[in-house]
Each structure stands twice: as structure tokens, then as C-alpha cells.
Amino acid sequence: DLLPACNGEITTMSFLQDVVDILLQYVVKSFDRSTKVIDFHYPNELLQEYNWELADQPQTLEEILLNCRTTLKYAIKTGHPRYFNQLSTGLDMVGLAADWLTSAANTNMFTYEIAPVFVLLEYVTLRKMREMVGWPGGCGDGIFSPGGAISNMYAMLIARFKMFPEVKEKGMAAIPRLVAFTSEHSHFSVKKGAAALGIGTDSVILIRCDERGKMIPSDLERRILEAKQKGFVPFLVSATAGTTVYGAFDPLIAIADICKKYKIWMHVDGAWGGGLLMSRKHKWKLNGVERANSVTWNPHKMMGVPLQCSALLVREEGLMQSCNQMHASYLFQQDKHYDLSYDTGDKALQCGRHVDVFKLWLMWRAKGTTGFEAQIDKCLELAEYLYNKIKNREGYEMVFDGKPQHTNVCFWYIPPSLRSMEDNEERMSRLMKVAPVIKARMMEYGTTMVSYQPLGDKVNFFRMVISNPAATHQDIDFLIDEIERLGQDL
């Protein structure tokens, strides 16, 4: 009944208006603190409660609208002010509008021919981001990729090509055994990238961190020398600006000095912490990032851009093109009537590539850099507020000493039954079960969500992260009260 069916205009407009009404109701509910963050059901319950199977015969449009309502009914409200589970939270209205627009335009990012405005906006936005990293005039290159893991993999791919360009044609058998270095608190995507590129996870050497989760430069240098003595070739150091769990920032200046000394590609994984470059108050935490050869920066995290929006920035122009281009003549014809430098598809690993830049560009136009700065400063202030409230509060223990550098606040909740116990193996084993039970109860009540995990020799603790500008002091107070309400009897 819908377009492009003959005379389908009225039905189409009516259907889409109904869809928009469903979406707008969901948006309003997302910011309503009296609504649940999640209407939790176990997988088998949800599977049995509704018929999700695909059929040979079409459904009516009324049934399709019901499917839309049902799907959103059980969706997690990631824009809810009390959703703290992931590094990407919030629901930005301009970003949402931009997402709707790119879906309607439904084009591909590989050539200027079919995405003229979007390609130009990617060019402008990436240059601005490189300026903020500190590269003169925003020089260099870059690409928006499907996420931080892929951006980090791009960095490994380009670093390897820079050192051994013959690997592109001849493969890993033609080059020496390569090794990469990253901190023991870094994101798992560094190892995943090494596996995907045929370098191997054993070739990723994990560098020790201090008690705050920052890479120790002296250990990095020691491990580089060790690797060289064994005949391995160090090709990349991946420093982290904002680790996933502790929110730690590696000492980039010291790492840059070591990379310069041993002629190793320096990559900075700023997927989580890169947004702090927007803040005059907090950007010092990335001092030295301008010396990196490549930087990952995910605006879909700290800057609240709707998923997905991840950028890889590369200091040397042309390198990404040389590394990845395949000269497909049916797509990248050399006799087009415009400047071919705007056909960016051949420098990407993907062929089909979603328009991710428009959300960021439109939000930046709407907020300005100062708007992003205020949003980020507010989230960091909320994290400090939480830290100050619980650091000396009965029933709480901090995972590490001192004020967090990012919005990650890591802590244990100690139920009354464990508070007088001496610190031994039995206490640890009981404490390990506390956070998972509280989290399960949070989800069943639907009141809030916050992440937990173990790390090294530390048993399960809460990792509270704040990237949602809708959150307030009252939401932090609510979280503390809710943890205590749900954990008192444990």
C-alpha cells in the first residue's frame, strides 16, 4: 500500500506520521524519571510472549505499527537520565534529527558523486578534529569507521604499511615478526585487531600500569628493548586516553619520547577520552596527543552523538590512501569531471560506508564547541560529586585512591553483613557476588543501570560512568540510595 505503489502517497504519509508519533512518545518517556529505564524480561519469556518469526505472507500496516511499539517497549532507554551502563549514553535531539535525515537520504560515503554534501562535511569535520588534536592547520587524513575497535585496527594496518609497504601485496610471510605494545588496561580491540590482521595476539605485549591504571613508561621501554633483543620488530605503541574501566590517561609525552627514540608508530586510543579535547578545563589530560601518528576519537561516547560515530585521525596525509586503495575502476573512475580527491572510498576498508559524520556536524553547528565543552564539564563535575559523596560514606570502598581523571568512578558497595568481617578470602568471595546481585535487581525493578566487572586481582566492583548530559545531582543521589536499598540484605 505504501510508496512506490500507485496512489500510495496518502497511506504512506499516514503510516509515517504514526511511526513518528510512536517515536516521539518514546523520546518523551526517555526523559521521564517516573518511567523505567528497562522493562526487563528473560530471553525465553520475550521469545514466548510474542511471535517474532518471519512469515511468507505480509502483515497489515496496523500489525507493523504494533511491532514498532512492542520493540520500543522492551528497548533499553539509553537516553534515560538514570542509565549509566555504557560509555555511550544520552539522546540528543539534533543528533536524532540528523540520523533521521541520513536514513531518508540513504546514500553511501564512497564517492562525491553520490554523497556530495556528506563527503564535504566529513572533510571539514575531520580537519577540525585534527586541529583540536593539535596538528598544524588540521593537516593529515582520517575516516569515520563503524566504531573504536575498527578505528584502532585501521591504525595498526597503517602503521604496519608505513614500516613495511610490501605487506600489502606479499602478506605477513614477507616481513619480520612484528610486535605491538599497549597497556594491560587498554581496550581488547588492540588484540582483536592484531588477530584480524594476521599479526597474532601473542604479538601484543601488555605493559604494566600503576595503581591508577596508567601505563608505566619505564616498563614500556624495557619491553621494547627485550623484544628487539629477541629479533622482533616493534611497529606500534597504542597509548590509551581514557581507559574503559578506570578512565585513566596514559602519560602521552613520555610515551611519545620513547616512540621517537625507537622510531615506532604512536597511536592514541582516545575513543573514550578524546572528547576532553573540547574542554579547556580538562584537555591537559591529553597533553602530548599532538605527537601521535594516529588518534581514535569516538564522538558517540563522551560527546553524546548517536551511535555510531567513530573517527580515526592520521597525521600523515596520503598514507591511508596508499595503504588501502585497490583502484576499482567501476567505482573510482579517473576521468570524472570533478576533483577526485573527494572520492574517499578507496582509502577505507569498507566499500559500503554509512553516513556517520552528519550527526556530529549538525550537533556541532547547534551547540558550538562551547556547548560540547559545557556538556563535558558537567559530566565530569557529576563524577566528582559522586566520588565526594561516597569516598568516606559507610558501606563504600573506592577501587583506587584519589579523584577520578575521567567520569569513571569505581567502587565496591559493602553490605552491612560484610562490614565487620576481616579482609580475607571468604570476604572477597562474598563481596564478588554483591555487585551482580544488585545489578540484577536494578534491571528487574527497571530503576537504573550501572556496570560492574572484576579487574586483575580485584573482585567485582561497580564502574559508574557519566556521559549523559540529562543526568543531575539528584540522579546521582538516587543511584546511591538505590544501591543501598537493593543491597542492604546481602
Protein backbone atom coordinates (compact mmCIF):
# COMPACT_ATOMS: atom_id res chain seq x y z
CA ASP A 1 0.00 0.00 0.00
CA LEU A 2 2.97 2.32 0.55
CA LEU A 3 5.05 4.27 -1.94
CA PRO A 4 6.21 3.46 -4.56
CA ALA A 5 2.83 1.71 -5.00
CA CYS A 6 0.44 3.56 -7.31
CA ASN A 7 -1.56 6.20 -5.35
CA GLY A 8 0.37 5.28 -2.20
CA GLU A 9 1.05 8.87 -1.07
CA ILE A 10 -1.79 9.27 1.44
CA THR A 11 -1.27 5.84 3.03
CA THR A 12 2.48 6.45 3.24
CA MET A 13 2.09 9.84 4.93
CA SER A 14 -0.41 8.41 7.41
CA PHE A 15 1.84 5.43 8.20
CA LEU A 16 4.96 7.55 8.68
CA GLN A 17 3.03 10.02 10.84
CA ASP A 18 2.00 7.11 13.08
CA VAL A 19 5.63 5.96 13.26
CA VAL A 20 6.77 9.48 14.19
CA ASP A 21 4.10 9.61 16.91
CA ILE A 22 5.43 6.32 18.35
CA LEU A 23 8.99 7.67 18.25
CA LEU A 24 8.07 10.98 19.86
CA GLN A 25 6.24 9.22 22.69
CA TYR A 26 9.37 7.13 23.27
CA VAL A 27 11.59 10.23 23.28
CA VAL A 28 9.42 11.94 25.89
CA LYS A 29 9.33 8.77 28.04
CA SER A 30 13.13 8.51 27.83
CA PHE A 31 13.50 11.71 29.85
CA ASP A 32 10.68 10.95 32.30
CA ARG A 33 12.25 9.79 35.57
CA SER A 34 9.00 8.12 36.61
CA THR A 35 9.36 5.63 33.72
CA LYS A 36 11.55 2.54 33.86
CA VAL A 37 15.00 2.51 32.29
CA ILE A 38 14.24 -1.08 31.24
CA ASP A 39 11.20 -3.34 31.19
CA PHE A 40 13.28 -6.46 31.77
CA HIS A 41 12.19 -9.91 30.63
CA TYR A 42 14.34 -13.02 30.35
CA PRO A 43 15.10 -14.05 26.74
CA ASN A 44 12.85 -17.14 26.79
CA GLU A 45 9.96 -15.05 28.18
CA LEU A 46 10.25 -12.46 25.41
CA LEU A 47 10.54 -15.15 22.76
CA GLN A 48 7.40 -16.88 24.00
CA GLU A 49 5.34 -13.76 24.69
CA TYR A 50 5.34 -12.51 21.09
CA ASN A 51 5.53 -14.06 17.66
CA TRP A 52 8.83 -12.77 16.23
CA GLU A 53 9.04 -15.32 13.40
CA LEU A 54 9.21 -14.31 9.74
CA ALA A 55 6.33 -15.49 7.53
CA ASP A 56 5.66 -15.98 3.83
CA GLN A 57 2.59 -13.71 3.85
CA PRO A 58 2.76 -9.96 4.61
CA GLN A 59 1.35 -8.39 7.77
CA THR A 60 -1.01 -5.43 7.76
CA LEU A 61 0.35 -1.96 8.42
CA GLU A 62 -1.52 -1.97 11.77
CA GLU A 63 0.46 -5.06 12.76
CA ILE A 64 3.69 -3.40 11.60
CA LEU A 65 2.97 -0.39 13.83
CA LEU A 66 2.30 -2.79 16.71
CA ASN A 67 5.71 -4.39 16.04
CA CYS A 68 7.28 -0.92 16.30
CA ARG A 69 5.56 -0.22 19.64
CA THR A 70 6.50 -3.64 21.06
CA THR A 71 10.14 -3.26 20.04
CA LEU A 72 10.44 0.11 21.78
CA LYS A 73 8.51 -1.14 24.83
CA TYR A 74 11.35 -3.55 25.61
CA ALA A 75 14.22 -1.36 24.36
CA ILE A 76 16.65 -0.02 26.95
CA LYS A 77 16.09 3.74 27.33
CA THR A 78 19.74 4.70 26.82
CA GLY A 79 18.74 8.38 26.94
CA HIS A 80 17.16 8.00 30.41
CA PRO A 81 18.91 10.22 32.99
CA ARG A 82 19.45 7.13 35.20
CA TYR A 83 21.05 4.90 32.56
CA PHE A 84 24.77 4.73 33.38
CA ASN A 85 25.63 1.31 31.98
CA GLN A 86 27.73 2.13 28.92
CA LEU A 87 30.23 4.75 27.78
CA SER A 88 27.69 5.91 25.17
CA THR A 89 24.51 7.28 26.75
CA GLY A 90 22.07 10.13 26.25
CA LEU A 91 19.68 11.08 23.47
CA ASP A 92 20.49 14.30 21.65
CA MET A 93 17.58 15.79 19.72
CA VAL A 94 19.67 17.41 16.96
CA GLY A 95 21.69 14.22 16.59
CA LEU A 96 18.46 12.23 16.36
CA ALA A 97 17.13 14.58 13.68
CA ALA A 98 20.39 14.17 11.75
CA ASP A 99 20.12 10.39 11.98
CA TRP A 100 16.59 10.50 10.56
CA LEU A 101 17.80 12.71 7.72
CA THR A 102 20.71 10.43 6.75
CA SER A 103 18.37 7.42 6.79
CA ALA A 104 16.00 9.23 4.44
CA ALA A 105 18.88 10.26 2.14
CA ASN A 106 20.10 6.62 2.23
CA THR A 107 23.35 7.13 0.39
CA ASN A 108 26.86 5.74 0.59
CA MET A 109 30.05 7.53 1.57
CA PHE A 110 32.39 6.19 -1.09
CA THR A 111 32.23 8.99 -3.72
CA TYR A 112 31.42 12.68 -4.06
CA GLU A 113 29.26 11.62 -7.00
CA ILE A 114 26.58 10.11 -4.76
CA ALA A 115 27.19 11.87 -1.41
CA PRO A 116 28.33 15.39 -2.29
CA VAL A 117 27.38 17.29 0.87
CA PHE A 118 28.16 14.41 3.24
CA VAL A 119 31.65 13.92 1.76
CA LEU A 120 32.40 17.65 2.13
CA LEU A 121 31.12 17.64 5.74
CA GLU A 122 33.37 14.67 6.54
CA TYR A 123 36.32 16.60 5.08
CA VAL A 124 35.51 19.73 7.12
CA THR A 125 34.77 17.87 10.37
CA LEU A 126 37.84 15.62 10.29
CA ARG A 127 40.05 18.65 9.63
CA LYS A 128 38.51 20.44 12.64
CA MET A 129 39.08 17.37 14.83
CA ARG A 130 42.73 17.18 13.71
CA GLU A 131 43.12 20.87 14.60
CA MET A 132 41.84 20.08 18.09
CA VAL A 133 44.36 17.23 18.38
CA GLY A 134 47.00 19.90 17.71
CA TRP A 135 48.23 19.09 14.20
CA PRO A 136 49.09 22.38 12.40
CA GLY A 137 46.19 23.65 10.30
CA GLY A 138 44.38 20.35 10.79
CA CYS A 139 46.80 18.64 8.40
CA GLY A 140 46.61 14.90 7.83
CA ASP A 141 43.88 12.46 6.96
CA GLY A 142 41.10 10.45 8.54
CA ILE A 143 37.95 8.43 8.17
CA PHE A 144 34.77 7.71 10.11
CA SER A 145 34.58 4.00 10.87
CA PRO A 146 31.98 1.66 12.43
CA GLY A 147 33.46 2.03 15.93
CA GLY A 148 36.58 2.43 18.05
CA ALA A 149 37.66 -1.18 17.55
CA ILE A 150 37.77 -0.69 13.77
CA SER A 151 39.48 2.70 14.14
CA ASN A 152 42.18 1.05 16.26
CA MET A 153 42.53 -1.71 13.66
CA TYR A 154 42.96 0.93 10.94
CA ALA A 155 45.82 2.43 12.98
CA MET A 156 47.57 -0.96 13.20
CA LEU A 157 47.05 -1.55 9.48
CA ILE A 158 48.50 1.84 8.51
CA ALA A 159 51.40 1.62 10.99
CA ARG A 160 52.37 -1.78 9.55
CA PHE A 161 52.11 -0.46 5.97
CA LYS A 162 54.24 2.59 6.83
CA MET A 163 57.07 0.36 8.07
CA PHE A 164 56.67 -2.47 5.52
CA PRO A 165 54.66 -1.33 2.45
CA GLU A 166 55.36 -4.68 0.76
CA VAL A 167 52.98 -6.39 3.22
CA LYS A 168 50.05 -5.13 1.14
CA GLU A 169 50.90 -7.39 -1.81
CA LYS A 170 53.06 -10.09 -0.28
CA GLY A 171 51.45 -10.62 3.12
CA MET A 172 52.89 -11.34 6.54
CA ALA A 173 55.22 -14.09 5.27
CA ALA A 174 57.33 -11.43 3.51
CA ILE A 175 58.10 -9.34 6.60
CA PRO A 176 59.74 -9.91 10.02
CA ARG A 177 57.86 -10.83 13.20
CA LEU A 178 56.12 -7.64 14.35
CA VAL A 179 55.18 -6.72 17.90
CA ALA A 180 52.86 -4.03 19.29
CA PHE A 181 52.71 -2.61 22.80
CA THR A 182 49.74 -1.43 24.82
CA SER A 183 48.84 -1.16 28.50
CA GLU A 184 47.34 -4.01 30.50
CA HIS A 185 44.28 -1.74 30.99
CA SER A 186 43.85 -0.99 27.29
CA HIS A 187 40.81 -1.94 25.21
CA PHE A 188 40.59 -5.53 23.97
CA SER A 189 40.32 -4.22 20.39
CA VAL A 190 44.11 -3.89 20.16
CA LYS A 191 44.47 -7.68 20.49
CA LYS A 192 41.43 -8.23 18.29
CA GLY A 193 42.98 -6.06 15.57
CA ALA A 194 46.24 -7.99 15.79
CA ALA A 195 44.31 -11.26 15.36
CA ALA A 196 42.32 -9.93 12.39
CA LEU A 197 45.43 -8.56 10.62
CA GLY A 198 47.39 -11.79 11.00
CA ILE A 199 49.89 -10.27 13.43
CA GLY A 200 48.59 -12.53 16.22
CA THR A 201 47.52 -11.80 19.77
CA ASP A 202 50.80 -13.18 21.14
CA SER A 203 52.50 -10.28 19.35
CA VAL A 204 50.67 -7.72 21.50
CA ILE A 205 52.82 -7.08 24.58
CA LEU A 206 50.93 -5.74 27.60
CA ILE A 207 52.74 -3.03 29.58
CA ARG A 208 52.31 -2.74 33.34
CA CYS A 209 50.18 0.05 34.78
CA ASP A 210 50.42 1.97 38.03
CA GLU A 211 47.70 1.74 40.68
CA ARG A 212 45.60 4.34 38.82
CA GLY A 213 45.68 2.33 35.57
CA LYS A 214 48.23 4.44 33.65
CA MET A 215 50.93 2.82 31.52
CA ILE A 216 54.40 2.87 33.16
CA PRO A 217 56.83 4.33 30.56
CA SER A 218 59.92 2.63 32.05
CA ASP A 219 58.23 -0.77 31.63
CA LEU A 220 57.35 0.13 28.02
CA GLU A 221 60.99 0.91 27.22
CA ARG A 222 62.18 -2.25 28.96
CA ARG A 223 59.77 -4.43 26.96
CA ILE A 224 60.72 -2.73 23.67
CA LEU A 225 64.40 -3.50 24.30
CA GLU A 226 63.54 -7.09 25.25
CA ALA A 227 61.57 -7.57 22.03
CA LYS A 228 64.37 -6.14 19.89
CA GLN A 229 66.91 -8.45 21.55
CA LYS A 230 64.70 -11.42 20.58
CA GLY A 231 64.76 -10.25 16.95
CA PHE A 232 61.20 -8.93 16.88
CA VAL A 233 60.35 -5.61 15.20
CA PRO A 234 58.33 -3.14 17.33
CA PHE A 235 55.95 -1.33 14.97
CA LEU A 236 53.25 0.27 17.15
CA VAL A 237 52.59 1.57 20.65
CA SER A 238 48.90 2.10 21.45
CA ALA A 239 48.53 4.52 24.35
CA THR A 240 45.10 4.97 25.92
CA ALA A 241 43.47 8.31 26.67
CA GLY A 242 40.63 7.25 28.94
CA THR A 243 40.74 3.54 29.75
CA THR A 244 37.46 1.66 29.69
CA VAL A 245 37.31 0.73 33.37
CA TYR A 246 39.38 3.26 35.37
CA GLY A 247 39.17 6.15 32.89
CA ALA A 248 42.95 6.52 33.10
CA PHE A 249 45.05 8.66 30.75
CA ASP A 250 48.45 7.22 29.82
CA PRO A 251 51.41 9.66 30.08
CA LEU A 252 51.46 10.60 26.39
CA ILE A 253 54.52 12.88 26.45
CA ALA A 254 56.78 10.20 27.98
CA ILE A 255 55.37 7.59 25.58
CA ALA A 256 55.94 9.93 22.61
CA ASP A 257 59.59 10.35 23.67
CA ILE A 258 60.05 6.57 23.70
CA CYS A 259 58.32 6.13 20.33
CA LYS A 260 60.55 8.84 18.81
CA LYS A 261 63.68 7.24 20.30
CA TYR A 262 62.92 3.80 18.83
CA LYS A 263 61.14 5.02 15.65
CA ILE A 264 57.82 3.33 16.50
CA TRP A 265 54.37 4.46 15.35
CA MET A 266 52.49 6.09 18.24
CA HIS A 267 48.73 5.57 18.28
CA VAL A 268 46.44 7.13 20.89
CA ASP A 269 43.19 5.31 21.58
CA GLY A 270 41.10 8.29 22.70
CA ALA A 271 37.79 6.58 21.94
CA TRP A 272 36.55 7.39 25.46
CA GLY A 273 38.74 10.34 26.45
CA GLY A 274 39.10 12.19 23.14
CA GLY A 275 36.03 14.31 23.88
CA LEU A 276 38.00 16.10 26.62
CA LEU A 277 39.83 17.96 23.84
CA MET A 278 36.64 20.06 23.64
CA SER A 279 37.14 21.27 27.24
CA ARG A 280 39.63 23.99 28.16
CA LYS A 281 39.47 22.76 31.76
CA HIS A 282 40.23 19.09 31.07
CA LYS A 283 42.15 18.83 27.77
CA TRP A 284 45.51 18.90 29.63
CA LYS A 285 44.88 15.21 30.34
CA LEU A 286 45.72 14.56 26.67
CA ASN A 287 48.92 16.65 26.64
CA GLY A 288 51.24 15.04 24.09
CA VAL A 289 48.44 13.73 21.84
CA GLU A 290 49.66 16.10 19.11
CA ARG A 291 52.82 13.96 18.85
CA ALA A 292 50.84 10.84 17.93
CA ASN A 293 50.88 9.40 14.40
CA SER A 294 47.21 8.43 14.71
CA VAL A 295 44.32 9.01 17.10
CA THR A 296 41.00 7.23 17.64
CA TRP A 297 38.21 9.55 18.86
CA ASN A 298 34.59 8.40 19.36
CA PRO A 299 32.13 11.32 19.45
CA HIS A 300 29.40 8.73 20.19
CA LYS A 301 30.82 8.39 23.70
CA MET A 302 31.68 11.49 25.72
CA MET A 303 30.15 13.93 23.23
CA GLY A 304 26.77 12.17 23.16
CA VAL A 305 26.49 11.81 19.36
CA PRO A 306 24.05 8.99 18.48
CA LEU A 307 25.68 5.66 17.65
CA GLN A 308 27.72 5.13 15.63
CA CYS A 309 30.31 7.87 15.24
CA SER A 310 34.00 6.99 15.50
CA ALA A 311 36.89 8.75 13.80
CA LEU A 312 40.43 7.65 13.06
CA LEU A 313 42.74 10.63 12.55
CA VAL A 314 46.12 10.16 10.85
CA ARG A 315 48.89 12.77 10.91
CA GLU A 316 50.45 11.87 7.53
CA GLU A 317 48.31 12.72 4.53
CA GLY A 318 48.08 10.15 1.72
CA LEU A 319 49.22 7.20 3.81
CA MET A 320 45.73 5.82 4.37
CA GLN A 321 45.02 6.00 0.63
CA SER A 322 48.26 4.20 -0.29
CA CYS A 323 47.63 1.53 2.32
CA ASN A 324 44.06 0.68 1.35
CA GLN A 325 43.38 1.68 -2.26
CA MET A 326 42.53 -1.01 -4.80
CA HIS A 327 41.74 1.23 -7.84
CA ALA A 328 38.33 -0.35 -8.55
CA SER A 329 37.67 1.18 -11.98
CA TYR A 330 33.89 0.64 -11.87
CA LEU A 331 33.64 2.96 -8.85
CA PHE A 332 36.70 5.21 -8.76
CA GLN A 333 36.96 6.21 -12.42
CA GLN A 334 39.88 8.54 -13.07
CA ASP A 335 38.18 10.60 -15.80
CA LYS A 336 35.34 12.12 -13.73
CA HIS A 337 34.58 15.81 -14.18
CA TYR A 338 35.30 16.89 -10.56
CA ASP A 339 38.23 16.84 -8.10
CA LEU A 340 38.83 13.13 -7.45
CA SER A 341 40.39 13.78 -4.02
CA TYR A 342 36.80 13.91 -2.71
CA ASP A 343 36.21 10.27 -3.70
CA THR A 344 37.23 8.96 -0.28
CA GLY A 345 36.01 5.38 -0.59
CA ASP A 346 39.29 3.87 -1.76
CA LYS A 347 41.08 4.81 1.47
CA ALA A 348 38.52 2.94 3.57
CA LEU A 349 38.49 -0.79 4.29
CA GLN A 350 34.76 -0.84 3.67
CA CYS A 351 33.12 -0.33 0.32
CA GLY A 352 29.63 0.42 1.63
CA ARG A 353 30.01 3.03 4.38
CA HIS A 354 27.24 4.65 6.41
CA VAL A 355 26.97 8.42 6.75
CA ASP A 356 28.16 8.91 10.35
CA VAL A 357 29.51 12.45 10.09
CA PHE A 358 26.23 14.35 9.68
CA LYS A 359 25.09 13.73 13.28
CA LEU A 360 28.33 15.15 14.66
CA TRP A 361 28.47 18.05 12.21
CA LEU A 362 24.86 19.13 12.86
CA MET A 363 25.25 18.84 16.64
CA TRP A 364 28.46 20.88 16.47
CA ARG A 365 26.60 23.56 14.49
CA ALA A 366 23.79 23.54 17.06
CA LYS A 367 25.97 23.59 20.20
CA GLY A 368 29.22 25.14 19.05
CA THR A 369 32.45 23.96 20.65
CA THR A 370 31.41 25.81 23.82
CA GLY A 371 28.21 23.76 24.04
CA PHE A 372 30.12 20.49 23.89
CA GLU A 373 32.55 21.91 26.43
CA ALA A 374 29.75 22.74 28.89
CA GLN A 375 28.19 19.30 28.42
CA ILE A 376 31.50 17.50 29.05
CA ASP A 377 32.45 19.70 32.02
CA LYS A 378 29.06 18.97 33.57
CA CYS A 379 29.54 15.19 33.26
CA LEU A 380 32.98 15.39 34.90
CA GLU A 381 31.57 17.57 37.67
CA LEU A 382 28.85 14.96 38.31
CA ALA A 383 31.51 12.24 38.57
CA GLU A 384 33.40 14.34 41.12
CA TYR A 385 30.13 14.87 43.04
CA LEU A 386 29.58 11.09 43.20
CA TYR A 387 33.18 10.48 44.28
CA ASN A 388 32.92 13.10 47.05
CA LYS A 389 29.63 11.61 48.28
CA ILE A 390 30.83 8.03 48.60
CA LYS A 391 34.58 8.23 49.31
CA ASN A 392 34.03 8.43 53.09
CA ARG A 393 30.47 7.05 53.23
CA GLU A 394 29.79 3.96 55.30
CA GLY A 395 29.39 0.88 53.12
CA TYR A 396 31.60 2.09 50.26
CA GLU A 397 35.21 1.39 49.32
CA MET A 398 36.99 3.04 46.41
CA VAL A 399 38.86 0.75 44.00
CA PHE A 400 41.75 3.23 43.74
CA ASP A 401 42.72 6.29 45.78
CA GLY A 402 42.15 9.83 44.64
CA LYS A 403 39.76 11.75 42.43
CA PRO A 404 38.98 10.04 39.09
CA GLN A 405 40.54 11.65 35.99
CA HIS A 406 37.51 10.94 33.83
CA THR A 407 33.86 10.22 34.68
CA ASN A 408 34.67 6.63 35.70
CA VAL A 409 34.02 6.18 39.44
CA CYS A 410 34.99 2.66 40.55
CA PHE A 411 33.81 1.40 43.93
CA TRP A 412 32.58 -1.53 45.98
CA TYR A 413 29.34 -1.43 47.91
CA ILE A 414 29.89 -3.33 51.17
CA PRO A 415 26.61 -4.67 52.62
CA PRO A 416 26.17 -4.46 56.44
CA SER A 417 26.87 -8.22 56.79
CA LEU A 418 30.42 -7.78 55.41
CA ARG A 419 31.43 -4.53 57.10
CA SER A 420 32.85 -6.05 60.26
CA MET A 421 34.49 -9.03 58.55
CA GLU A 422 38.27 -9.10 58.33
CA ASP A 423 39.74 -8.81 54.85
CA ASN A 424 40.27 -12.45 53.89
CA GLU A 425 39.43 -14.88 51.12
CA GLU A 426 35.91 -15.57 52.40
CA ARG A 427 35.08 -11.86 52.46
CA MET A 428 36.40 -11.48 48.90
CA SER A 429 34.38 -14.42 47.69
CA ARG A 430 31.19 -12.98 49.24
CA LEU A 431 31.95 -9.45 48.02
CA MET A 432 32.39 -10.78 44.46
CA LYS A 433 28.68 -11.75 44.42
CA VAL A 434 27.34 -8.40 45.68
CA ALA A 435 27.54 -6.23 42.54
CA PRO A 436 25.99 -8.87 40.20
CA VAL A 437 23.00 -9.35 42.53
CA ILE A 438 22.42 -5.60 42.91
CA LYS A 439 22.71 -5.15 39.13
CA ALA A 440 20.20 -7.97 38.50
CA ARG A 441 17.76 -6.36 40.96
CA MET A 442 18.24 -2.96 39.30
CA MET A 443 17.27 -4.47 35.96
CA GLU A 444 14.28 -6.37 37.35
CA TYR A 445 12.94 -3.23 39.04
CA GLY A 446 13.94 -1.20 35.96
CA THR A 447 15.05 1.78 38.04
CA THR A 448 18.64 2.31 36.89
CA MET A 449 21.58 0.54 35.27
CA VAL A 450 25.26 0.73 36.14
CA SER A 451 28.06 -1.57 35.01
CA TYR A 452 30.25 -3.86 37.11
CA GLN A 453 33.29 -6.05 36.45
CA PRO A 454 36.34 -7.65 38.04
CA LEU A 455 39.82 -6.43 37.10
CA GLY A 456 43.09 -8.22 37.79
CA ASP A 457 43.02 -9.35 41.42
CA LYS A 458 40.06 -7.09 42.25
CA VAL A 459 36.69 -8.82 42.58
CA ASN A 460 33.50 -7.41 41.01
CA PHE A 461 33.11 -3.68 41.58
CA PHE A 462 30.78 -1.02 40.18
CA ARG A 463 32.13 1.12 37.34
CA MET A 464 29.93 4.18 37.22
CA VAL A 465 30.37 6.28 34.06
CA ILE A 466 28.62 9.52 33.17
CA SER A 467 28.28 10.76 29.60
CA ASN A 468 24.60 11.73 29.60
CA PRO A 469 24.06 15.50 29.89
CA ALA A 470 20.49 14.83 31.13
CA ALA A 471 21.83 13.44 34.44
CA THR A 472 21.72 15.65 37.55
CA HIS A 473 22.91 15.60 41.17
CA GLN A 474 19.52 14.15 42.08
CA ASP A 475 20.11 11.19 39.74
CA ILE A 476 23.46 10.51 41.43
CA ASP A 477 21.74 10.67 44.83
CA PHE A 478 19.08 8.28 43.52
CA LEU A 479 21.73 5.80 42.35
CA ILE A 480 23.42 5.75 45.77
CA ASP A 481 20.08 5.26 47.55
CA GLU A 482 19.08 2.53 45.10
CA ILE A 483 22.34 0.59 45.55
CA GLU A 484 21.82 0.70 49.31
CA ARG A 485 18.12 -0.27 49.07
CA LEU A 486 18.86 -3.24 46.82
CA GLY A 487 21.97 -4.41 48.68
CA GLN A 488 21.10 -4.00 52.37
CA ASP A 489 20.12 -7.65 52.86
CA LEU A 490 23.09 -9.23 51.07
